[in-house]
């Protein structure tokens, strides 16, 4: 997806949990384990972007965890599910991302990767033990993934 702005873009990351594992994928450019995610497009809210990115990248239907949603009554506003975390990171020296970090549950662990659609098809479900022992996972990804498992694991 093209950048909306040349200096800064808003993105989503989704830590997808199925039973007692969390999904990570190798980033096509950085070559490190990251969550599923991408840019929020100009015609969508962050919740829709999170669900769309997971579907596009790994073919999973997910349900965003809405336990942080405080206001649930119907009125003239659309309440959005808030992210668990929010961060800002520099991509190249001249561009930054503000990233909204969501947790979601998958209905299955069967990925539907479309060959050639994504530049990296290397995905893996990580257990808590895998996350704690894998030295290639960067600290913030490990932290978020462990928190997602803590919040959403079902056995």
N, C-alpha and C. Protein backbone atom coordinates (compact mmCIF):
# COMPACT_ATOMS: atom_id res chain seq x y z
N UNK A 1 0.84 -1.18 0.00
CA UNK A 1 0.00 0.00 0.00
C UNK A 1 0.88 1.24 0.00
N UNK A 2 0.57 2.22 -0.81
CA UNK A 2 1.39 3.43 -0.82
C UNK A 2 1.27 4.20 0.48
N UNK A 3 2.30 4.94 0.80
CA UNK A 3 2.28 5.75 2.01
C UNK A 3 1.27 6.89 1.85
N UNK A 4 0.59 7.21 2.94
CA UNK A 4 -0.37 8.31 2.93
C UNK A 4 0.36 9.64 3.06
N UNK A 5 1.46 9.63 3.79
CA UNK A 5 2.23 10.85 4.00
C UNK A 5 3.70 10.50 3.85
N UNK A 6 4.51 11.43 3.37
CA UNK A 6 5.93 11.12 3.16
C UNK A 6 6.75 11.09 4.45
N UNK A 7 6.26 11.69 5.53
CA UNK A 7 7.01 11.74 6.78
C UNK A 7 6.56 10.71 7.81
N UNK A 8 5.24 10.48 7.90
CA UNK A 8 4.72 9.60 8.95
C UNK A 8 3.45 8.90 8.47
N UNK A 9 3.29 7.66 8.85
CA UNK A 9 2.09 6.89 8.54
C UNK A 9 1.60 6.19 9.79
N UNK A 10 0.32 5.88 9.80
CA UNK A 10 -0.26 5.10 10.89
C UNK A 10 -0.39 3.66 10.42
N UNK A 11 0.03 2.73 11.29
CA UNK A 11 0.01 1.31 10.96
C UNK A 11 -0.62 0.52 12.10
N UNK A 12 -0.94 -0.73 11.80
CA UNK A 12 -1.46 -1.65 12.81
C UNK A 12 -0.56 -2.88 12.86
N UNK A 13 -0.45 -3.43 14.06
CA UNK A 13 0.19 -4.73 14.28
C UNK A 13 -0.85 -5.58 14.98
N UNK A 14 -0.94 -6.86 14.60
CA UNK A 14 -1.90 -7.74 15.25
C UNK A 14 -1.18 -8.99 15.73
N UNK A 15 -1.26 -9.22 17.02
CA UNK A 15 -0.72 -10.44 17.60
C UNK A 15 -1.88 -11.42 17.69
N UNK A 16 -1.88 -12.37 16.76
CA UNK A 16 -2.96 -13.33 16.60
C UNK A 16 -2.68 -14.56 17.46
N UNK A 17 -3.65 -14.92 18.28
CA UNK A 17 -3.51 -16.07 19.17
C UNK A 17 -4.50 -17.14 18.76
N UNK A 18 -4.00 -18.37 18.73
CA UNK A 18 -4.86 -19.55 18.55
C UNK A 18 -4.49 -20.52 19.66
N UNK A 19 -5.44 -20.82 20.51
CA UNK A 19 -5.24 -21.67 21.69
C UNK A 19 -4.10 -21.13 22.54
N UNK A 20 -2.93 -21.76 22.52
CA UNK A 20 -1.82 -21.30 23.37
C UNK A 20 -0.60 -20.89 22.56
N UNK A 21 -0.85 -20.44 21.31
CA UNK A 21 0.26 -20.00 20.47
C UNK A 21 -0.07 -18.67 19.80
N UNK A 22 0.99 -17.94 19.48
CA UNK A 22 0.83 -16.64 18.83
C UNK A 22 1.56 -16.69 17.49
N UNK A 23 1.00 -16.05 16.49
CA UNK A 23 1.54 -16.09 15.14
C UNK A 23 2.53 -14.95 14.90
N UNK A 24 3.70 -15.30 14.38
CA UNK A 24 4.68 -14.31 13.92
C UNK A 24 5.09 -14.67 12.52
N UNK A 25 5.58 -13.66 11.79
CA UNK A 25 6.05 -13.89 10.42
C UNK A 25 7.34 -13.13 10.20
N UNK A 26 8.13 -13.64 9.29
CA UNK A 26 9.38 -12.96 8.94
C UNK A 26 9.05 -11.76 8.06
N UNK A 27 9.49 -10.58 8.47
CA UNK A 27 9.27 -9.36 7.70
C UNK A 27 10.09 -9.42 6.42
N UNK A 28 9.48 -9.04 5.31
CA UNK A 28 10.14 -9.18 4.01
C UNK A 28 11.41 -8.35 3.87
N UNK A 29 11.45 -7.17 4.46
CA UNK A 29 12.65 -6.32 4.32
C UNK A 29 13.59 -6.44 5.51
N UNK A 30 13.04 -6.47 6.72
CA UNK A 30 13.87 -6.48 7.93
C UNK A 30 14.43 -7.86 8.26
N UNK A 31 13.77 -8.91 7.77
CA UNK A 31 14.19 -10.30 8.01
C UNK A 31 14.22 -10.67 9.49
N UNK A 32 13.25 -10.17 10.25
CA UNK A 32 13.10 -10.52 11.65
C UNK A 32 11.65 -10.95 11.89
N UNK A 33 11.43 -11.68 12.98
CA UNK A 33 10.08 -12.09 13.35
C UNK A 33 9.28 -10.87 13.83
N UNK A 34 8.14 -10.64 13.21
CA UNK A 34 7.23 -9.57 13.60
C UNK A 34 5.81 -10.12 13.60
N UNK A 35 4.90 -9.33 14.09
CA UNK A 35 3.48 -9.69 14.01
C UNK A 35 2.98 -9.43 12.60
N UNK A 36 1.73 -9.75 12.39
CA UNK A 36 1.07 -9.44 11.12
C UNK A 36 0.62 -7.98 11.19
N UNK A 37 0.71 -7.25 10.09
CA UNK A 37 0.25 -5.87 10.13
C UNK A 37 0.61 -5.09 8.90
N UNK A 38 0.27 -3.81 8.94
CA UNK A 38 0.56 -2.94 7.81
C UNK A 38 -0.09 -1.58 7.97
N UNK A 39 -0.12 -0.84 6.87
CA UNK A 39 -0.63 0.54 6.87
C UNK A 39 -2.15 0.59 7.00
N UNK A 40 -2.61 1.61 7.72
CA UNK A 40 -4.03 1.94 7.75
C UNK A 40 -4.32 2.77 6.51
N UNK A 41 -5.25 2.32 5.73
CA UNK A 41 -5.57 3.04 4.50
C UNK A 41 -6.47 4.23 4.81
N UNK A 42 -6.48 5.19 3.90
CA UNK A 42 -7.18 6.46 4.15
C UNK A 42 -8.69 6.30 4.29
N UNK A 43 -9.25 5.20 3.83
CA UNK A 43 -10.70 5.01 3.88
C UNK A 43 -11.15 4.04 4.98
N UNK A 44 -10.27 3.74 5.96
CA UNK A 44 -10.66 2.77 6.97
C UNK A 44 -10.20 3.20 8.36
N UNK A 45 -10.88 2.65 9.36
CA UNK A 45 -10.45 2.91 10.74
C UNK A 45 -9.43 1.83 11.13
N UNK A 46 -8.73 2.03 12.25
CA UNK A 46 -7.69 1.07 12.64
C UNK A 46 -8.21 -0.35 12.88
N UNK A 47 -9.42 -0.50 13.40
CA UNK A 47 -9.96 -1.84 13.62
C UNK A 47 -10.15 -2.60 12.32
N UNK A 48 -10.71 -1.92 11.32
CA UNK A 48 -10.89 -2.56 10.01
C UNK A 48 -9.54 -2.87 9.37
N UNK A 49 -8.57 -1.98 9.54
CA UNK A 49 -7.24 -2.22 8.99
C UNK A 49 -6.60 -3.45 9.62
N UNK A 50 -6.75 -3.61 10.92
CA UNK A 50 -6.16 -4.75 11.61
C UNK A 50 -6.72 -6.07 11.08
N UNK A 51 -8.03 -6.15 10.98
CA UNK A 51 -8.69 -7.36 10.47
C UNK A 51 -8.30 -7.61 9.01
N UNK A 52 -8.30 -6.55 8.21
CA UNK A 52 -7.95 -6.68 6.79
C UNK A 52 -6.52 -7.16 6.60
N UNK A 53 -5.58 -6.57 7.33
CA UNK A 53 -4.17 -6.95 7.18
C UNK A 53 -3.95 -8.43 7.50
N UNK A 54 -4.59 -8.93 8.55
CA UNK A 54 -4.44 -10.34 8.88
C UNK A 54 -5.00 -11.21 7.75
N UNK A 55 -6.16 -10.85 7.25
CA UNK A 55 -6.77 -11.63 6.15
C UNK A 55 -5.88 -11.60 4.91
N UNK A 56 -5.36 -10.42 4.56
CA UNK A 56 -4.52 -10.30 3.37
C UNK A 56 -3.19 -11.04 3.51
N UNK A 57 -2.56 -10.92 4.66
CA UNK A 57 -1.22 -11.46 4.82
C UNK A 57 -1.18 -12.96 5.08
N UNK A 58 -2.13 -13.46 5.86
CA UNK A 58 -2.05 -14.88 6.22
C UNK A 58 -3.36 -15.64 6.00
N UNK A 59 -4.39 -14.97 5.51
CA UNK A 59 -5.63 -15.65 5.17
C UNK A 59 -6.49 -16.06 6.35
N UNK A 60 -6.25 -15.48 7.52
CA UNK A 60 -7.04 -15.83 8.70
C UNK A 60 -8.16 -14.83 8.96
N UNK A 61 -9.30 -15.35 9.38
CA UNK A 61 -10.35 -14.50 9.93
C UNK A 61 -10.09 -14.41 11.43
N UNK A 62 -10.10 -13.20 11.95
CA UNK A 62 -9.82 -13.00 13.37
C UNK A 62 -10.88 -12.13 14.01
N UNK A 63 -10.93 -12.23 15.33
CA UNK A 63 -11.79 -11.37 16.13
C UNK A 63 -10.87 -10.57 17.05
N UNK A 64 -10.90 -9.25 16.91
CA UNK A 64 -10.07 -8.41 17.77
C UNK A 64 -10.56 -8.50 19.21
N UNK A 65 -9.63 -8.56 20.13
CA UNK A 65 -9.99 -8.57 21.54
C UNK A 65 -10.51 -7.19 21.93
N UNK A 66 -11.73 -7.15 22.42
CA UNK A 66 -12.36 -5.86 22.74
C UNK A 66 -12.47 -5.61 24.24
N UNK A 67 -11.67 -6.31 25.04
CA UNK A 67 -11.80 -6.17 26.49
C UNK A 67 -11.40 -4.79 27.01
N UNK A 68 -10.68 -4.01 26.21
CA UNK A 68 -10.33 -2.64 26.63
C UNK A 68 -11.40 -1.62 26.24
N UNK A 69 -12.41 -2.07 25.52
CA UNK A 69 -13.48 -1.17 25.08
C UNK A 69 -14.34 -0.80 26.29
N UNK A 70 -14.30 0.47 26.68
CA UNK A 70 -14.98 0.91 27.90
C UNK A 70 -16.44 1.27 27.67
N UNK A 71 -16.75 1.95 26.59
CA UNK A 71 -18.11 2.42 26.34
C UNK A 71 -18.76 1.50 25.31
N UNK A 72 -19.87 0.87 25.68
CA UNK A 72 -20.48 -0.13 24.81
C UNK A 72 -21.93 0.18 24.43
N UNK A 73 -22.46 1.28 24.89
CA UNK A 73 -23.83 1.61 24.54
C UNK A 73 -23.90 2.13 23.11
N UNK A 74 -25.08 2.02 22.52
CA UNK A 74 -25.30 2.53 21.17
C UNK A 74 -25.66 4.01 21.24
N UNK A 75 -24.98 4.82 20.49
CA UNK A 75 -25.36 6.22 20.33
C UNK A 75 -24.90 6.66 18.94
N UNK A 76 -24.68 7.94 18.75
CA UNK A 76 -24.37 8.42 17.41
C UNK A 76 -22.88 8.33 17.06
N UNK A 77 -22.07 7.70 17.91
CA UNK A 77 -20.66 7.50 17.59
C UNK A 77 -20.39 6.01 17.42
N UNK A 78 -19.33 5.72 16.72
CA UNK A 78 -18.89 4.33 16.58
C UNK A 78 -17.66 4.17 17.45
N UNK A 79 -17.81 3.44 18.53
CA UNK A 79 -16.68 3.19 19.42
C UNK A 79 -15.72 2.21 18.76
N UNK A 80 -14.44 2.53 18.78
CA UNK A 80 -13.43 1.65 18.23
C UNK A 80 -12.75 0.88 19.35
N UNK A 81 -12.36 -0.34 19.03
CA UNK A 81 -11.60 -1.14 19.99
C UNK A 81 -10.23 -0.49 20.12
N UNK A 82 -9.83 -0.13 21.34
CA UNK A 82 -8.52 0.51 21.50
C UNK A 82 -7.39 -0.51 21.38
N UNK A 83 -6.23 -0.06 20.97
CA UNK A 83 -5.07 -0.96 20.92
C UNK A 83 -4.56 -1.23 22.33
N UNK A 84 -3.87 -2.33 22.47
CA UNK A 84 -3.21 -2.63 23.74
C UNK A 84 -1.99 -1.75 23.96
N UNK A 85 -1.28 -1.48 22.87
CA UNK A 85 -0.06 -0.69 22.94
C UNK A 85 0.00 0.24 21.74
N UNK A 86 0.83 1.26 21.86
CA UNK A 86 1.01 2.25 20.81
C UNK A 86 2.49 2.60 20.79
N UNK A 87 3.09 2.58 19.62
CA UNK A 87 4.51 2.93 19.55
C UNK A 87 4.80 3.74 18.29
N UNK A 88 5.98 4.30 18.26
CA UNK A 88 6.42 5.10 17.11
C UNK A 88 7.82 4.61 16.75
N UNK A 89 8.02 4.31 15.49
CA UNK A 89 9.33 3.80 15.07
C UNK A 89 9.74 4.34 13.72
N UNK A 90 11.03 4.55 13.59
CA UNK A 90 11.60 5.08 12.35
C UNK A 90 11.87 3.92 11.41
N UNK A 91 11.46 4.07 10.18
CA UNK A 91 11.68 3.03 9.17
C UNK A 91 12.98 3.36 8.44
N UNK A 92 12.98 4.13 7.37
CA UNK A 92 14.26 4.67 6.92
C UNK A 92 14.51 5.96 7.70
N UNK A 93 15.62 6.60 7.50
CA UNK A 93 15.91 7.81 8.29
C UNK A 93 14.89 8.94 8.14
N UNK A 94 14.10 8.94 7.08
CA UNK A 94 13.20 10.06 6.83
C UNK A 94 11.72 9.74 7.01
N UNK A 95 11.39 8.54 7.48
CA UNK A 95 9.98 8.15 7.57
C UNK A 95 9.72 7.42 8.89
N UNK A 96 8.55 7.66 9.48
CA UNK A 96 8.20 7.01 10.73
C UNK A 96 6.81 6.38 10.65
N UNK A 97 6.59 5.39 11.52
CA UNK A 97 5.28 4.78 11.68
C UNK A 97 4.82 4.97 13.11
N UNK A 98 3.57 5.35 13.27
CA UNK A 98 2.89 5.28 14.55
C UNK A 98 2.05 4.01 14.47
N UNK A 99 2.36 3.06 15.36
CA UNK A 99 1.75 1.73 15.26
C UNK A 99 0.81 1.45 16.42
N UNK A 100 -0.40 1.01 16.07
CA UNK A 100 -1.40 0.60 17.04
C UNK A 100 -1.32 -0.92 17.14
N UNK A 101 -1.10 -1.43 18.34
CA UNK A 101 -0.87 -2.86 18.55
C UNK A 101 -2.12 -3.51 19.12
N UNK A 102 -2.69 -4.45 18.34
CA UNK A 102 -3.91 -5.15 18.73
C UNK A 102 -3.62 -6.61 19.05
N UNK A 103 -4.51 -7.21 19.84
CA UNK A 103 -4.52 -8.64 20.07
C UNK A 103 -5.80 -9.18 19.43
N UNK A 104 -5.70 -10.38 18.87
CA UNK A 104 -6.87 -10.99 18.23
C UNK A 104 -6.84 -12.50 18.40
N UNK A 105 -8.03 -13.09 18.32
CA UNK A 105 -8.15 -14.55 18.35
C UNK A 105 -8.43 -15.04 16.93
N UNK A 106 -7.77 -16.14 16.58
CA UNK A 106 -8.04 -16.80 15.31
C UNK A 106 -9.00 -17.96 15.56
N UNK A 107 -9.80 -18.27 14.57
CA UNK A 107 -10.74 -19.38 14.68
C UNK A 107 -10.08 -20.70 14.30
N UNK A 108 -8.91 -20.63 13.67
CA UNK A 108 -8.15 -21.79 13.25
C UNK A 108 -6.68 -21.43 13.21
N UNK A 109 -5.84 -22.44 13.17
CA UNK A 109 -4.41 -22.18 12.99
C UNK A 109 -3.95 -22.48 11.57
N UNK A 110 -4.89 -22.78 10.69
CA UNK A 110 -4.58 -23.09 9.29
C UNK A 110 -4.48 -21.81 8.48
N UNK A 111 -3.27 -21.49 8.06
CA UNK A 111 -3.03 -20.27 7.29
C UNK A 111 -3.39 -20.51 5.84
N UNK A 112 -3.82 -19.45 5.17
CA UNK A 112 -4.14 -19.51 3.75
C UNK A 112 -3.28 -18.48 3.03
N UNK A 113 -2.00 -18.80 2.91
CA UNK A 113 -1.06 -17.89 2.26
C UNK A 113 -1.24 -17.96 0.76
N UNK A 114 -1.31 -16.81 0.13
CA UNK A 114 -1.43 -16.76 -1.32
C UNK A 114 -0.03 -16.59 -1.89
N UNK A 115 0.44 -17.60 -2.63
CA UNK A 115 1.80 -17.57 -3.19
C UNK A 115 2.02 -16.29 -3.99
N UNK A 116 3.11 -15.61 -3.66
CA UNK A 116 3.48 -14.42 -4.40
C UNK A 116 2.80 -13.15 -3.96
N UNK A 117 1.75 -13.25 -3.16
CA UNK A 117 1.05 -12.04 -2.71
C UNK A 117 1.90 -11.27 -1.71
N UNK A 118 2.44 -11.98 -0.74
CA UNK A 118 3.32 -11.37 0.24
C UNK A 118 4.75 -11.74 -0.11
N UNK A 119 5.68 -10.87 0.24
CA UNK A 119 7.08 -11.13 -0.08
C UNK A 119 7.69 -12.17 0.85
N UNK A 120 7.07 -12.40 2.01
CA UNK A 120 7.55 -13.42 2.94
C UNK A 120 6.40 -14.33 3.31
N UNK A 121 6.56 -15.60 3.01
CA UNK A 121 5.54 -16.57 3.40
C UNK A 121 5.98 -17.36 4.62
N UNK A 122 7.06 -16.94 5.27
CA UNK A 122 7.55 -17.67 6.44
C UNK A 122 6.81 -17.21 7.68
N UNK A 123 5.91 -18.07 8.16
CA UNK A 123 5.11 -17.80 9.33
C UNK A 123 5.25 -18.98 10.29
N UNK A 124 5.05 -18.68 11.57
CA UNK A 124 5.16 -19.75 12.57
C UNK A 124 4.34 -19.39 13.80
N UNK A 125 3.72 -20.41 14.38
CA UNK A 125 3.00 -20.27 15.64
C UNK A 125 3.98 -20.52 16.77
N UNK A 126 4.11 -19.58 17.70
CA UNK A 126 5.06 -19.66 18.81
C UNK A 126 4.32 -19.90 20.12
N UNK A 127 4.83 -20.83 20.91
CA UNK A 127 4.34 -21.03 22.28
C UNK A 127 5.07 -20.04 23.19
N UNK A 128 4.63 -19.97 24.43
CA UNK A 128 5.31 -19.11 25.40
C UNK A 128 6.78 -19.53 25.54
N UNK A 129 7.01 -20.83 25.61
CA UNK A 129 8.37 -21.34 25.73
C UNK A 129 9.21 -20.96 24.50
N UNK A 130 8.63 -21.11 23.31
CA UNK A 130 9.34 -20.73 22.07
C UNK A 130 9.77 -19.27 22.12
N UNK A 131 8.87 -18.41 22.55
CA UNK A 131 9.16 -16.97 22.62
C UNK A 131 10.29 -16.68 23.60
N UNK A 132 10.26 -17.37 24.72
CA UNK A 132 11.27 -17.12 25.76
C UNK A 132 12.65 -17.64 25.38
N UNK A 133 12.72 -18.64 24.50
CA UNK A 133 14.01 -19.23 24.17
C UNK A 133 14.58 -18.77 22.83
N UNK A 134 13.74 -18.22 21.95
CA UNK A 134 14.22 -17.81 20.63
C UNK A 134 14.95 -16.47 20.74
N UNK A 135 16.22 -16.46 20.44
CA UNK A 135 17.07 -15.26 20.56
C UNK A 135 16.91 -14.30 19.37
N UNK A 136 16.19 -14.72 18.34
CA UNK A 136 16.04 -13.89 17.14
C UNK A 136 14.83 -12.96 17.19
N UNK A 137 14.04 -13.06 18.23
CA UNK A 137 12.85 -12.21 18.34
C UNK A 137 13.24 -10.94 19.08
N UNK A 138 12.97 -9.79 18.46
CA UNK A 138 13.36 -8.53 19.08
C UNK A 138 12.52 -8.27 20.34
N UNK A 139 13.07 -7.50 21.29
CA UNK A 139 12.43 -7.37 22.61
C UNK A 139 10.98 -6.90 22.61
N UNK A 140 10.64 -5.88 21.83
CA UNK A 140 9.25 -5.41 21.91
C UNK A 140 8.28 -6.43 21.32
N UNK A 141 8.68 -7.14 20.29
CA UNK A 141 7.83 -8.17 19.70
C UNK A 141 7.63 -9.30 20.72
N UNK A 142 8.69 -9.71 21.37
CA UNK A 142 8.60 -10.75 22.40
C UNK A 142 7.65 -10.30 23.52
N UNK A 143 7.81 -9.06 23.98
CA UNK A 143 6.97 -8.52 25.05
C UNK A 143 5.50 -8.55 24.64
N UNK A 144 5.18 -7.99 23.46
CA UNK A 144 3.79 -7.94 23.00
C UNK A 144 3.22 -9.34 22.80
N UNK A 145 4.02 -10.25 22.22
CA UNK A 145 3.56 -11.61 21.97
C UNK A 145 3.25 -12.34 23.28
N UNK A 146 4.12 -12.18 24.26
CA UNK A 146 3.88 -12.80 25.57
C UNK A 146 2.63 -12.22 26.23
N UNK A 147 2.43 -10.92 26.12
CA UNK A 147 1.23 -10.28 26.69
C UNK A 147 -0.04 -10.78 25.99
N UNK A 148 0.04 -10.96 24.66
CA UNK A 148 -1.11 -11.49 23.92
C UNK A 148 -1.45 -12.90 24.39
N UNK A 149 -0.43 -13.72 24.58
CA UNK A 149 -0.68 -15.08 25.08
C UNK A 149 -1.24 -15.05 26.50
N UNK A 150 -0.71 -14.18 27.32
CA UNK A 150 -1.20 -14.04 28.70
C UNK A 150 -2.68 -13.67 28.71
N UNK A 151 -3.06 -12.81 27.79
CA UNK A 151 -4.44 -12.32 27.73
C UNK A 151 -5.41 -13.30 27.05
N UNK A 152 -4.96 -13.96 25.98
CA UNK A 152 -5.91 -14.68 25.13
C UNK A 152 -5.74 -16.20 25.06
N UNK A 153 -4.70 -16.76 25.65
CA UNK A 153 -4.50 -18.21 25.58
C UNK A 153 -5.68 -18.95 26.19
N UNK A 154 -6.04 -20.06 25.54
CA UNK A 154 -7.17 -20.86 26.04
C UNK A 154 -6.79 -22.30 26.38
N UNK A 155 -5.58 -22.72 26.13
CA UNK A 155 -5.08 -24.05 26.54
C UNK A 155 -4.29 -24.66 25.45
